[in-house]
Amino acid sequence: MLNELTFQFRKPQVWLGLGLTLVVAYALWRFGRTLLRALRGHAPPRLVRGLVGLWTAAVALGWLAVATRVAYLPSVPVLFELGGDIVDGFRHSAGQVLVIVALSLIGWNLIGTLTSRIVAEEEFSRRTVRVQTLRGVVDSTLKVALVILALIAGLQALGVNATSLLAGVSVLGLAVGFGAQSLIKDVFTGFFILLEDQYGVGDVITVNTGQLSGNVERLNLRVTALRALDGTVHIIPNGQIQTVSVSSKDWSRVVATVDVTYHADIDEAVRVLERVSRELYADPAWSASFLEEPELQGVTRLGPDGVTLRALYKVQPKSQYALGREFNRRIKIAMDEAGIEIPAPQRSLSFGSTPLEIKVSGAPAPDPRRSQNRTHAPVPPSLTRDPEEEELS
């Protein structure tokens, strides 16, 4: 028997057959174990474990018998005959369908396992966006292809001519396609969104000039899912997207503005704005967010209530929200320290020619400059984004 076994193992087709039968046996074992696990909660745990062990032993014995048949070892009569019966059984339709279902289950789990290993970097970047987006698209596309192939193979095993069926389905699909042009448009638009990297999972976008905005939570060939700041999820068919404004593509900008009254010393206010900008740029907690030195633009507007000063910060994508909030805190404290008033809306009221005398009594307000420290925030700033105007309406 040993010499016979050694002679058979020299043949490459024997190794190939053993490998294929081992894959089929593993698929059947996984399929049976999945079905038996469904009994949990409906049967005693000991019974379920016993059935799983019995199924494992049966699959192992079956594979050993089939391996004996594949290696053609008639000197082991019991296993050799049993292997022949198993092979003949799986040549029938029921056995082939069972193998197809089991292999499809293995493929489904394998696709999920492999795509879950595609992990993007924690730091936000275009590579991270593309990895997160393509992972979902690859997972869904491969699973759809697996289901289609399994259905075709199953129909072939049941004796249905898949070639003529596919021809009929293609004609039907052509007819349906004329009535599903919007779906086809969604898929084509989604394909070009992915191909051109217009946006991806994790980006902050505004769709169709302000109609909807939010964080891209999911993107596939058909739809884009946006998560608004209040938690609302907007599902948008890709074919309905005409324009997209991306707030997190490559780099972002903080438009740092502050208003002062017309009675303020404008030159001193500009120096305060520059000083706060330099402090933020030099602060180790915020310096990593900057891509360039702050650009001071000075006086940009003479409004009805005050004078607008502006600086521009080119920063890392999605860091503009937290940095803008920190700027607002620091510039308020800096203006208080410099004695420069930030205006409130002012209105003039006329009650005819009679003078109107108003007296306000009470203790004077404490000077806020004594207790404020602009370089140290009392609470760590949040890194979440700010809402767009349409999200507040």
Protein backbone atom coordinates (compact mmCIF):
# COMPACT_ATOMS: atom_id res chain seq x y z
CA MET A 1 0.00 0.00 0.00
CA LEU A 2 2.87 2.35 0.81
CA ASN A 3 4.45 1.80 -2.57
CA GLU A 4 1.09 2.36 -4.27
CA LEU A 5 0.58 5.58 -2.32
CA THR A 6 4.07 6.82 -3.17
CA PHE A 7 3.51 6.09 -6.85
CA GLN A 8 0.17 7.96 -6.93
CA PHE A 9 1.58 11.00 -5.14
CA ARG A 10 4.08 11.48 -7.94
CA LYS A 11 1.24 12.53 -10.24
CA PRO A 12 0.45 16.27 -10.27
CA GLN A 13 -3.23 15.63 -11.00
CA VAL A 14 -3.52 13.74 -7.72
CA TRP A 15 -2.27 16.73 -5.73
CA LEU A 16 -4.61 19.01 -7.66
CA GLY A 17 -7.56 16.72 -6.99
CA LEU A 18 -6.74 16.50 -3.28
CA GLY A 19 -6.50 20.27 -3.06
CA LEU A 20 -9.86 20.81 -4.77
CA THR A 21 -11.61 18.21 -2.64
CA LEU A 22 -10.12 19.77 0.49
CA VAL A 23 -11.53 23.18 -0.49
CA VAL A 24 -14.96 21.65 -1.14
CA ALA A 25 -14.84 19.77 2.17
CA TYR A 26 -13.94 22.94 4.05
CA ALA A 27 -16.76 24.82 2.34
CA LEU A 28 -19.28 22.11 3.27
CA TRP A 29 -18.01 22.09 6.85
CA ARG A 30 -18.38 25.85 7.16
CA PHE A 31 -21.84 25.73 5.58
CA GLY A 32 -23.03 22.99 7.93
CA ARG A 33 -21.56 24.71 10.98
CA THR A 34 -23.33 27.96 10.04
CA LEU A 35 -26.64 26.13 9.81
CA LEU A 36 -26.08 24.38 13.13
CA ARG A 37 -25.20 27.66 14.84
CA ALA A 38 -28.68 28.88 13.91
CA LEU A 39 -29.99 26.34 16.45
CA ARG A 40 -28.45 28.29 19.32
CA GLY A 41 -31.18 29.60 21.55
CA HIS A 42 -33.57 26.91 20.27
CA ALA A 43 -31.69 23.81 21.42
CA PRO A 44 -29.49 22.90 24.43
CA PRO A 45 -25.88 24.09 24.00
CA ARG A 46 -24.52 20.58 24.59
CA LEU A 47 -26.68 19.24 21.77
CA VAL A 48 -25.47 21.95 19.40
CA ARG A 49 -21.83 21.27 20.28
CA GLY A 50 -22.41 17.55 19.79
CA LEU A 51 -23.97 18.11 16.36
CA VAL A 52 -21.08 20.35 15.33
CA GLY A 53 -18.59 17.69 16.41
CA LEU A 54 -20.55 14.99 14.59
CA TRP A 55 -20.67 17.11 11.43
CA THR A 56 -16.92 17.74 11.64
CA ALA A 57 -16.24 14.02 11.94
CA ALA A 58 -18.57 13.23 9.03
CA VAL A 59 -16.90 15.80 6.76
CA ALA A 60 -13.44 14.57 7.74
CA LEU A 61 -14.41 10.96 7.01
CA GLY A 62 -16.02 11.96 3.72
CA TRP A 63 -12.95 13.86 2.57
CA LEU A 64 -10.69 10.97 3.54
CA ALA A 65 -12.87 8.60 1.49
CA VAL A 66 -12.90 10.94 -1.52
CA ALA A 67 -9.14 11.43 -1.22
CA THR A 68 -8.73 7.66 -1.31
CA ARG A 69 -10.80 7.59 -4.49
CA VAL A 70 -8.89 10.50 -6.06
CA ALA A 71 -5.54 8.86 -5.26
CA TYR A 72 -7.00 5.56 -6.55
CA LEU A 73 -6.13 3.29 -3.63
CA PRO A 74 -8.35 0.20 -4.09
CA SER A 75 -6.27 -1.54 -1.40
CA VAL A 76 -8.40 0.39 1.13
CA PRO A 77 -11.74 -1.13 0.08
CA VAL A 78 -14.12 0.49 2.59
CA LEU A 79 -12.92 4.06 2.06
CA PHE A 80 -12.43 3.52 -1.67
CA GLU A 81 -16.04 2.37 -2.18
CA LEU A 82 -17.41 5.09 0.11
CA GLY A 83 -15.46 7.72 -1.80
CA GLY A 84 -16.93 6.46 -5.07
CA ASP A 85 -20.46 6.72 -3.68
CA ILE A 86 -19.81 10.29 -2.48
CA VAL A 87 -18.38 11.35 -5.82
CA ASP A 88 -21.35 9.85 -7.65
CA GLY A 89 -23.72 11.65 -5.28
CA PHE A 90 -22.14 15.01 -5.90
CA ARG A 91 -22.41 14.52 -9.64
CA HIS A 92 -26.16 14.85 -9.30
CA SER A 93 -27.92 18.22 -9.21
CA ALA A 94 -28.56 18.32 -5.47
CA GLY A 95 -24.94 17.65 -4.62
CA GLN A 96 -23.69 20.25 -7.08
CA VAL A 97 -26.06 22.89 -5.72
CA LEU A 98 -24.92 22.10 -2.19
CA VAL A 99 -21.27 22.54 -3.20
CA ILE A 100 -22.06 25.80 -5.01
CA VAL A 101 -23.87 27.22 -1.97
CA ALA A 102 -21.04 26.17 0.34
CA LEU A 103 -18.35 27.66 -1.91
CA SER A 104 -20.38 30.86 -2.27
CA LEU A 105 -20.56 31.16 1.51
CA ILE A 106 -16.79 30.78 1.74
CA GLY A 107 -16.29 33.39 -0.98
CA TRP A 108 -18.67 35.82 0.73
CA ASN A 109 -16.82 35.55 4.04
CA LEU A 110 -13.45 35.74 2.28
CA ILE A 111 -14.41 38.97 0.50
CA GLY A 112 -15.55 40.53 3.78
CA THR A 113 -12.35 39.46 5.52
CA LEU A 114 -10.05 40.77 2.79
CA THR A 115 -11.81 44.13 2.42
CA SER A 116 -11.83 44.62 6.19
CA ARG A 117 -8.04 44.40 6.11
CA ILE A 118 -7.90 47.48 3.87
CA VAL A 119 -7.43 49.97 6.67
CA ALA A 120 -6.92 53.66 5.98
CA GLU A 121 -4.61 55.89 7.95
CA GLU A 122 -6.08 57.74 10.91
CA GLU A 123 -4.79 61.08 9.62
CA PHE A 124 -7.12 62.70 7.10
CA SER A 125 -5.64 62.82 3.60
CA ARG A 126 -6.66 62.17 0.01
CA ARG A 127 -5.21 58.66 0.24
CA THR A 128 -7.33 57.97 3.31
CA VAL A 129 -10.43 59.22 1.51
CA ARG A 130 -9.80 57.06 -1.55
CA VAL A 131 -9.02 53.95 0.52
CA GLN A 132 -12.21 54.28 2.56
CA THR A 133 -14.30 54.88 -0.54
CA LEU A 134 -12.80 52.13 -2.70
CA ARG A 135 -13.03 49.61 0.13
CA GLY A 136 -16.82 49.88 0.21
CA VAL A 137 -17.13 49.86 -3.58
CA VAL A 138 -14.85 46.82 -3.99
CA ASP A 139 -16.68 44.92 -1.27
CA SER A 140 -20.15 45.51 -2.73
CA THR A 141 -19.03 44.90 -6.35
CA LEU A 142 -17.28 41.59 -5.59
CA LYS A 143 -20.24 40.33 -3.56
CA VAL A 144 -22.68 41.18 -6.36
CA ALA A 145 -20.44 39.38 -8.88
CA LEU A 146 -20.22 36.37 -6.55
CA VAL A 147 -24.00 36.15 -6.24
CA ILE A 148 -24.47 36.37 -10.02
CA LEU A 149 -21.88 33.65 -10.68
CA ALA A 150 -23.40 31.42 -7.98
CA LEU A 151 -26.88 31.81 -9.50
CA ILE A 152 -25.61 30.93 -12.98
CA ALA A 153 -23.72 27.90 -11.68
CA GLY A 154 -26.74 26.79 -9.63
CA LEU A 155 -29.05 27.03 -12.64
CA GLN A 156 -26.58 25.01 -14.72
CA ALA A 157 -26.49 22.37 -11.99
CA LEU A 158 -30.29 22.16 -12.01
CA GLY A 159 -30.29 21.60 -15.78
CA VAL A 160 -31.32 25.09 -16.86
CA ASN A 161 -29.52 26.32 -19.98
CA ALA A 162 -27.81 29.43 -18.61
CA THR A 163 -26.72 30.60 -22.07
CA SER A 164 -30.27 30.98 -23.38
CA LEU A 165 -31.35 32.38 -20.03
CA LEU A 166 -28.66 35.06 -20.15
CA ALA A 167 -29.70 35.96 -23.69
CA GLY A 168 -33.28 36.41 -22.53
CA VAL A 169 -32.16 38.39 -19.52
CA SER A 170 -30.05 40.67 -21.71
CA VAL A 171 -33.07 41.44 -23.90
CA LEU A 172 -35.18 42.06 -20.83
CA GLY A 173 -32.41 44.20 -19.36
CA LEU A 174 -32.32 46.28 -22.53
CA ALA A 175 -36.06 46.88 -22.25
CA VAL A 176 -35.81 47.69 -18.57
CA GLY A 177 -32.84 49.96 -19.27
CA PHE A 178 -35.00 52.37 -21.22
CA GLY A 179 -37.23 52.73 -18.19
CA ALA A 180 -34.35 52.90 -15.73
CA GLN A 181 -32.28 55.61 -17.35
CA SER A 182 -31.98 57.46 -14.05
CA LEU A 183 -30.42 54.37 -12.45
CA ILE A 184 -27.94 54.06 -15.30
CA LYS A 185 -27.15 57.76 -14.97
CA ASP A 186 -26.56 57.30 -11.24
CA VAL A 187 -24.10 54.46 -11.88
CA PHE A 188 -22.17 56.31 -14.60
CA THR A 189 -21.96 59.46 -12.50
CA GLY A 190 -20.77 57.45 -9.49
CA PHE A 191 -18.13 55.77 -11.66
CA PHE A 192 -16.66 59.10 -12.73
CA ILE A 193 -16.84 60.46 -9.17
CA LEU A 194 -14.64 57.57 -8.07
CA LEU A 195 -12.40 57.65 -11.14
CA GLU A 196 -11.65 61.37 -10.87
CA ASP A 197 -11.55 61.41 -7.06
CA GLN A 198 -14.01 64.30 -6.98
CA TYR A 199 -14.81 63.49 -3.34
CA GLY A 200 -14.87 60.45 -1.09
CA VAL A 201 -15.80 59.05 2.29
CA GLY A 202 -14.80 61.52 4.99
CA ASP A 203 -14.98 64.65 2.83
CA VAL A 204 -17.19 67.60 3.76
CA ILE A 205 -19.22 68.64 0.73
CA THR A 206 -22.08 70.90 -0.30
CA VAL A 207 -24.29 69.56 -3.09
CA ASN A 208 -25.99 71.58 -5.82
CA THR A 209 -24.99 75.05 -4.62
CA GLY A 210 -26.13 74.78 -1.05
CA GLN A 211 -29.16 72.52 -1.22
CA LEU A 212 -27.59 69.87 1.04
CA SER A 213 -24.29 69.61 2.86
CA GLY A 214 -22.59 67.32 5.30
CA ASN A 215 -19.88 64.74 5.85
CA VAL A 216 -19.72 61.96 3.24
CA GLU A 217 -20.50 58.84 5.23
CA ARG A 218 -21.01 56.39 2.37
CA LEU A 219 -20.35 56.46 -1.36
CA ASN A 220 -20.96 53.81 -3.99
CA LEU A 221 -21.77 53.76 -7.69
CA ARG A 222 -25.43 54.63 -7.11
CA VAL A 223 -25.82 56.97 -4.12
CA THR A 224 -23.95 59.36 -1.85
CA ALA A 225 -24.89 59.46 1.84
CA LEU A 226 -24.27 62.75 3.68
CA ARG A 227 -24.39 63.09 7.47
CA ALA A 228 -25.48 66.59 8.50
CA LEU A 229 -24.28 68.18 11.73
CA ASP A 230 -27.59 67.42 13.49
CA GLY A 231 -27.24 63.73 12.61
CA THR A 232 -29.61 63.70 9.65
CA VAL A 233 -28.49 61.41 6.82
CA HIS A 234 -29.19 62.66 3.29
CA ILE A 235 -29.27 59.94 0.61
CA ILE A 236 -28.60 61.53 -2.78
CA PRO A 237 -28.66 59.60 -6.09
CA ASN A 238 -25.41 60.36 -7.89
CA GLY A 239 -27.26 61.28 -11.09
CA GLN A 240 -28.96 64.19 -9.31
CA ILE A 241 -25.67 65.78 -8.28
CA GLN A 242 -24.95 68.69 -10.60
CA THR A 243 -22.30 70.63 -8.66
CA VAL A 244 -20.26 69.70 -5.61
CA SER A 245 -18.38 72.09 -3.33
CA VAL A 246 -15.70 70.19 -1.39
CA SER A 247 -14.45 71.84 1.81
CA SER A 248 -11.73 69.29 2.51
CA LYS A 249 -9.91 68.79 -0.80
CA ASP A 250 -6.10 69.04 -0.57
CA TRP A 251 -6.13 72.13 1.71
CA SER A 252 -8.54 74.50 3.43
CA ARG A 253 -8.59 78.13 4.50
CA VAL A 254 -9.61 80.03 7.61
CA VAL A 255 -11.02 83.47 6.78
CA ALA A 256 -10.13 85.17 10.07
CA THR A 257 -12.22 88.34 10.32
CA VAL A 258 -12.96 90.74 13.16
CA ASP A 259 -14.99 93.97 13.25
CA VAL A 260 -14.00 97.07 15.23
CA THR A 261 -15.84 100.34 15.79
CA TYR A 262 -15.18 103.48 13.75
CA HIS A 263 -13.79 105.13 16.89
CA ALA A 264 -11.09 102.48 17.31
CA ASP A 265 -7.41 102.92 16.44
CA ILE A 266 -7.34 100.99 13.14
CA ASP A 267 -3.55 100.66 13.04
CA GLU A 268 -3.52 99.21 16.55
CA ALA A 269 -6.35 96.84 15.64
CA VAL A 270 -4.38 95.60 12.63
CA ARG A 271 -1.35 95.03 14.85
CA VAL A 272 -3.51 93.05 17.31
CA LEU A 273 -4.83 90.91 14.46
CA GLU A 274 -1.30 90.26 13.25
CA ARG A 275 -0.12 89.42 16.76
CA VAL A 276 -2.90 86.89 17.34
CA SER A 277 -2.23 85.31 13.93
CA ARG A 278 1.49 84.96 14.70
CA GLU A 279 0.69 83.47 18.11
CA LEU A 280 -1.52 80.81 16.55
CA TYR A 281 1.09 80.04 13.89
CA ALA A 282 3.81 79.63 16.55
CA ASP A 283 1.68 77.68 19.05
CA PRO A 284 2.81 73.99 19.04
CA ALA A 285 -0.81 72.91 19.51
CA TRP A 286 -1.84 74.60 16.24
CA SER A 287 1.32 74.96 14.14
CA ALA A 288 0.83 71.51 12.54
CA SER A 289 -2.48 72.71 11.08
CA PHE A 290 -0.85 75.52 9.10
CA LEU A 291 0.48 74.96 5.60
CA GLU A 292 1.76 78.53 5.15
CA GLU A 293 2.35 81.60 7.28
CA PRO A 294 -0.76 83.70 7.97
CA GLU A 295 -1.54 86.30 5.33
CA LEU A 296 -2.65 89.63 6.80
CA GLN A 297 -4.97 91.52 4.44
CA GLY A 298 -5.86 94.45 6.72
CA VAL A 299 -9.04 96.53 6.31
CA THR A 300 -11.36 94.80 3.86
CA ARG A 301 -14.75 96.41 4.46
CA LEU A 302 -16.34 99.56 5.85
CA GLY A 303 -19.70 98.32 7.07
CA PRO A 304 -22.68 100.11 8.59
CA ASP A 305 -21.72 99.01 12.12
CA GLY A 306 -17.94 98.84 11.99
CA VAL A 307 -14.70 98.24 10.13
CA THR A 308 -13.81 94.69 9.07
CA LEU A 309 -10.24 93.39 9.35
CA ARG A 310 -9.20 90.13 7.76
CA ALA A 311 -6.37 87.59 7.71
CA LEU A 312 -6.15 84.33 5.76
CA TYR A 313 -4.76 81.02 7.06
CA LYS A 314 -3.97 78.18 4.63
CA VAL A 315 -4.41 75.04 6.73
CA GLN A 316 -4.79 71.29 6.59
CA PRO A 317 -8.14 70.05 5.26
CA LYS A 318 -10.91 69.83 7.90
CA SER A 319 -8.81 71.73 10.47
CA GLN A 320 -10.31 75.11 9.54
CA TYR A 321 -13.30 74.70 11.85
CA ALA A 322 -11.45 74.20 15.13
CA LEU A 323 -8.77 76.73 14.19
CA GLY A 324 -11.41 79.32 13.33
CA ARG A 325 -13.09 78.86 16.70
CA GLU A 326 -9.78 79.25 18.52
CA PHE A 327 -9.06 82.43 16.54
CA ASN A 328 -12.42 83.90 17.57
CA ARG A 329 -11.65 83.24 21.22
CA ARG A 330 -8.17 84.72 21.08
CA ILE A 331 -9.04 87.80 19.04
CA LYS A 332 -11.86 88.69 21.46
CA ILE A 333 -9.49 88.53 24.43
CA ALA A 334 -6.75 90.41 22.55
CA MET A 335 -9.13 93.23 21.59
CA ASP A 336 -10.28 93.50 25.20
CA GLU A 337 -6.68 93.73 26.39
CA ALA A 338 -5.93 96.46 23.83
CA GLY A 339 -9.06 98.40 24.76
CA ILE A 340 -10.46 98.12 21.23
CA GLU A 341 -14.21 97.78 21.07
CA ILE A 342 -15.86 95.17 18.90
CA PRO A 343 -19.09 96.84 17.74
CA ALA A 344 -22.61 95.76 18.45
CA PRO A 345 -25.44 96.74 16.09
CA GLN A 346 -26.39 100.39 16.71
CA ARG A 347 -29.69 102.09 15.92
CA SER A 348 -30.83 105.74 16.36
CA LEU A 349 -34.32 106.38 17.74
CA SER A 350 -36.07 109.77 17.39
CA PHE A 351 -39.03 110.79 19.55
CA GLY A 352 -39.58 114.27 18.15
CA SER A 353 -37.96 117.45 19.47
CA THR A 354 -38.41 116.59 23.15
CA PRO A 355 -35.17 115.31 24.71
CA LEU A 356 -35.33 111.71 25.99
CA GLU A 357 -33.41 111.05 29.19
CA ILE A 358 -32.52 107.47 30.11
CA LYS A 359 -30.77 106.57 33.34
CA VAL A 360 -29.25 103.14 33.95
CA SER A 361 -28.26 102.29 37.48
CA GLY A 362 -26.28 99.36 38.78
CA ALA A 363 -22.80 98.21 39.62
CA PRO A 364 -20.20 98.61 36.86
CA ALA A 365 -19.27 95.45 34.98
CA PRO A 366 -15.92 93.89 35.95
CA ASP A 367 -13.02 94.35 33.59
CA PRO A 368 -12.64 91.04 31.68
CA ARG A 369 -9.00 91.73 30.91
CA ARG A 370 -7.94 90.83 34.45
CA SER A 371 -8.97 87.16 34.29
CA GLN A 372 -8.55 86.14 30.63
CA ASN A 373 -5.59 84.29 29.12
CA ARG A 374 -5.84 84.05 25.36
CA THR A 375 -2.99 81.55 24.90
CA HIS A 376 -4.65 78.87 27.04
CA ALA A 377 -8.20 77.78 26.29
CA PRO A 378 -10.28 76.90 29.37
CA VAL A 379 -11.76 73.95 27.46
CA PRO A 380 -9.96 71.96 24.73
CA PRO A 381 -11.39 73.08 21.37
CA SER A 382 -13.63 70.65 19.52
CA LEU A 383 -12.39 69.27 16.20
CA THR A 384 -15.87 68.90 14.73
CA ARG A 385 -16.82 71.00 11.76
CA ASP A 386 -19.07 74.05 11.82
CA PRO A 387 -22.56 73.82 10.28
CA GLU A 388 -23.21 75.22 6.86
CA GLU A 389 -25.94 77.85 6.47
CA GLU A 390 -28.37 75.41 4.89
CA GLU A 391 -28.00 73.05 7.85
CA LEU A 392 -29.24 75.75 10.21
CA SER A 393 -32.30 76.71 8.16
